[in-house]
Amino acid sequence: MSNMISLTDAAARRIAAIVAKDPAKTALRVSVEGGGCSGFSYKFDLVADQGDDDLVIEKNNAKVLIDSMSVIYMDGSEIDFVDNLMGQSFQIKNPNAVASCGCGTSFAI
């Protein structure tokens, strides 16, 4: 791994707010799965448990977990939360992606 995965302040605020509403959950899990219109897609889940191989990113009372296989595809990425006229969503700025889908959740490497 050459670059860390980072979390913006906006994403940390949103994650902390979401997790605070569900006392049974402690973190946002971000993973990469095969599929989507560009080959891979990001998946977001609220979880209570951390895996032994998870990368843990903590910032401003927010915790993000990424499994070791997904970390390989996300090296150097920035996780952001965007709130604009198009809506609200988590977006991942991935320098490894050579193509992406208009929805922002699908990409190719």
C-alpha atoms as a PDB file:
ATOM      1  CA  MET A   1       0.000   0.000   0.000  1.00  0.00           C
ATOM      2  CA  SER A   2       1.500   3.256  -1.057  1.00  0.00           C
ATOM      3  CA  ASN A   3      -1.253   5.707  -0.141  1.00  0.00           C
ATOM      4  CA  MET A   4      -3.662   5.918   2.717  1.00  0.00           C
ATOM      5  CA  ILE A   5      -7.415   6.107   2.341  1.00  0.00           C
ATOM      6  CA  SER A   6      -8.719   9.371   3.760  1.00  0.00           C
ATOM      7  CA  LEU A   7     -12.021  10.667   5.050  1.00  0.00           C
ATOM      8  CA  THR A   8     -13.167  14.260   4.542  1.00  0.00           C
ATOM      9  CA  ASP A   9     -14.636  16.314   7.375  1.00  0.00           C
ATOM     10  CA  ALA A  10     -18.027  16.294   5.616  1.00  0.00           C
ATOM     11  CA  ALA A  11     -18.017  12.486   5.405  1.00  0.00           C
ATOM     12  CA  ALA A  12     -16.955  12.148   9.047  1.00  0.00           C
ATOM     13  CA  ARG A  13     -19.786  14.460  10.187  1.00  0.00           C
ATOM     14  CA  ARG A  14     -22.377  12.523   8.170  1.00  0.00           C
ATOM     15  CA  ILE A  15     -21.149   9.113   9.346  1.00  0.00           C
ATOM     16  CA  ALA A  16     -21.150  10.246  12.992  1.00  0.00           C
ATOM     17  CA  ALA A  17     -24.717  11.565  12.594  1.00  0.00           C
ATOM     18  CA  ILE A  18     -25.968   8.357  10.952  1.00  0.00           C
ATOM     19  CA  VAL A  19     -24.333   6.047  13.502  1.00  0.00           C
ATOM     20  CA  ALA A  20     -25.638   8.171  16.397  1.00  0.00           C
ATOM     21  CA  LYS A  21     -29.201   7.384  15.268  1.00  0.00           C
ATOM     22  CA  ASP A  22     -28.659   3.614  15.581  1.00  0.00           C
ATOM     23  CA  PRO A  23     -27.082   2.616  18.910  1.00  0.00           C
ATOM     24  CA  ALA A  24     -26.612  -0.976  17.710  1.00  0.00           C
ATOM     25  CA  LYS A  25     -24.185   0.152  14.971  1.00  0.00           C
ATOM     26  CA  THR A  26     -20.676   1.505  15.480  1.00  0.00           C
ATOM     27  CA  ALA A  27     -19.226   2.126  12.016  1.00  0.00           C
ATOM     28  CA  LEU A  28     -19.745   2.514   8.283  1.00  0.00           C
ATOM     29  CA  ARG A  29     -18.321  -0.394   6.287  1.00  0.00           C
ATOM     30  CA  VAL A  30     -17.172   0.445   2.765  1.00  0.00           C
ATOM     31  CA  SER A  31     -16.436  -2.461   0.459  1.00  0.00           C
ATOM     32  CA  VAL A  32     -15.746  -3.111  -3.208  1.00  0.00           C
ATOM     33  CA  GLU A  33     -17.742  -5.765  -5.026  1.00  0.00           C
ATOM     34  CA  GLY A  34     -17.686  -7.128  -8.534  1.00  0.00           C
ATOM     35  CA  GLY A  35     -20.534  -5.796 -10.654  1.00  0.00           C
ATOM     36  CA  GLY A  36     -22.039  -2.470 -11.517  1.00  0.00           C
ATOM     37  CA  CYS A  37     -22.009  -0.959 -14.969  1.00  0.00           C
ATOM     38  CA  SER A  38     -18.234  -0.317 -14.912  1.00  0.00           C
ATOM     39  CA  GLY A  39     -16.959  -3.590 -13.409  1.00  0.00           C
ATOM     40  CA  PHE A  40     -16.731  -2.847  -9.672  1.00  0.00           C
ATOM     41  CA  SER A  41     -19.095  -1.115  -7.290  1.00  0.00           C
ATOM     42  CA  TYR A  42     -18.872   0.366  -3.811  1.00  0.00           C
ATOM     43  CA  LYS A  43     -21.110  -0.932  -1.066  1.00  0.00           C
ATOM     44  CA  PHE A  44     -21.940   0.991   2.121  1.00  0.00           C
ATOM     45  CA  ASP A  45     -23.309  -0.728   5.250  1.00  0.00           C
ATOM     46  CA  LEU A  46     -23.766   0.239   8.883  1.00  0.00           C
ATOM     47  CA  VAL A  47     -22.193  -2.440  11.066  1.00  0.00           C
ATOM     48  CA  ALA A  48     -21.623  -3.277  14.714  1.00  0.00           C
ATOM     49  CA  ASP A  49     -18.579  -5.531  14.395  1.00  0.00           C
ATOM     50  CA  GLN A  50     -15.060  -4.997  13.148  1.00  0.00           C
ATOM     51  CA  GLY A  51     -13.214  -7.757  11.280  1.00  0.00           C
ATOM     52  CA  ASP A  52      -9.682  -8.826  12.158  1.00  0.00           C
ATOM     53  CA  ASP A  53      -8.363  -7.727   8.754  1.00  0.00           C
ATOM     54  CA  ASP A  54     -10.241  -4.416   8.556  1.00  0.00           C
ATOM     55  CA  LEU A  55      -8.531  -1.112   7.921  1.00  0.00           C
ATOM     56  CA  VAL A  56      -9.973   1.284  10.509  1.00  0.00           C
ATOM     57  CA  ILE A  57     -10.246   4.986   9.704  1.00  0.00           C
ATOM     58  CA  GLU A  58     -11.364   7.224  12.564  1.00  0.00           C
ATOM     59  CA  LYS A  59     -12.027  10.936  12.379  1.00  0.00           C
ATOM     60  CA  ASN A  60     -14.177  13.277  14.481  1.00  0.00           C
ATOM     61  CA  ASN A  61     -16.191  10.508  16.218  1.00  0.00           C
ATOM     62  CA  ALA A  62     -16.727   8.629  12.952  1.00  0.00           C
ATOM     63  CA  LYS A  63     -15.381   5.170  12.162  1.00  0.00           C
ATOM     64  CA  VAL A  64     -15.026   3.586   8.710  1.00  0.00           C
ATOM     65  CA  LEU A  65     -14.098  -0.068   8.215  1.00  0.00           C
ATOM     66  CA  ILE A  66     -12.675  -1.419   4.962  1.00  0.00           C
ATOM     67  CA  ASP A  67     -11.831  -5.105   4.481  1.00  0.00           C
ATOM     68  CA  SER A  68      -8.345  -6.005   3.269  1.00  0.00           C
ATOM     69  CA  MET A  69      -9.470  -7.039  -0.240  1.00  0.00           C
ATOM     70  CA  SER A  70     -11.347  -3.761  -0.804  1.00  0.00           C
ATOM     71  CA  VAL A  71      -8.372  -1.717   0.446  1.00  0.00           C
ATOM     72  CA  ILE A  72      -6.351  -2.966  -2.542  1.00  0.00           C
ATOM     73  CA  TYR A  73      -8.842  -1.356  -4.965  1.00  0.00           C
ATOM     74  CA  MET A  74      -9.229   1.826  -2.907  1.00  0.00           C
ATOM     75  CA  ASP A  75      -5.566   2.673  -2.272  1.00  0.00           C
ATOM     76  CA  GLY A  76      -5.143   6.452  -2.230  1.00  0.00           C
ATOM     77  CA  SER A  77      -8.891   7.165  -2.280  1.00  0.00           C
ATOM     78  CA  GLU A  78     -10.778   9.888  -0.473  1.00  0.00           C
ATOM     79  CA  ILE A  79     -14.233   9.207   0.976  1.00  0.00           C
ATOM     80  CA  ASP A  80     -16.430  12.306   0.826  1.00  0.00           C
ATOM     81  CA  PHE A  81     -20.055  13.228   1.491  1.00  0.00           C
ATOM     82  CA  VAL A  82     -21.675  15.564  -1.005  1.00  0.00           C
ATOM     83  CA  ASP A  83     -24.907  17.494  -0.494  1.00  0.00           C
ATOM     84  CA  ASN A  84     -25.895  19.445  -3.614  1.00  0.00           C
ATOM     85  CA  LEU A  85     -28.768  19.968  -6.047  1.00  0.00           C
ATOM     86  CA  MET A  86     -28.338  16.407  -7.321  1.00  0.00           C
ATOM     87  CA  GLY A  87     -28.895  14.996  -3.825  1.00  0.00           C
ATOM     88  CA  GLN A  88     -26.888  13.650  -0.934  1.00  0.00           C
ATOM     89  CA  SER A  89     -24.420  10.804  -1.271  1.00  0.00           C
ATOM     90  CA  PHE A  90     -21.115   9.377  -0.203  1.00  0.00           C
ATOM     91  CA  GLN A  91     -18.606   9.641  -3.033  1.00  0.00           C
ATOM     92  CA  ILE A  92     -15.238   7.982  -3.352  1.00  0.00           C
ATOM     93  CA  LYS A  93     -12.541   9.806  -5.275  1.00  0.00           C
ATOM     94  CA  ASN A  94     -10.420   6.875  -6.408  1.00  0.00           C
ATOM     95  CA  PRO A  95      -7.168   7.642  -8.274  1.00  0.00           C
ATOM     96  CA  ASN A  96      -7.009   4.004  -9.447  1.00  0.00           C
ATOM     97  CA  ALA A  97     -10.308   4.160 -11.360  1.00  0.00           C
ATOM     98  CA  VAL A  98      -9.823   4.501 -15.107  1.00  0.00           C
ATOM     99  CA  ALA A  99     -13.560   4.739 -15.781  1.00  0.00           C
ATOM    100  CA  SER A 100     -16.615   5.368 -13.668  1.00  0.00           C
ATOM    101  CA  CYS A 101     -20.360   5.362 -13.976  1.00  0.00           C
ATOM    102  CA  GLY A 102     -22.592   8.434 -13.820  1.00  0.00           C
ATOM    103  CA  CYS A 103     -24.061   7.191 -10.535  1.00  0.00           C
ATOM    104  CA  GLY A 104     -20.642   7.433  -8.877  1.00  0.00           C
ATOM    105  CA  THR A 105     -20.816   3.995  -7.263  1.00  0.00           C
ATOM    106  CA  SER A 106     -19.389   1.938 -10.109  1.00  0.00           C
ATOM    107  CA  PHE A 107     -15.840   2.035 -11.465  1.00  0.00           C
ATOM    108  CA  ALA A 108     -13.202   0.177 -13.510  1.00  0.00           C
ATOM    109  CA  ILE A 109      -9.512  -0.349 -12.801  1.00  0.00           C
END
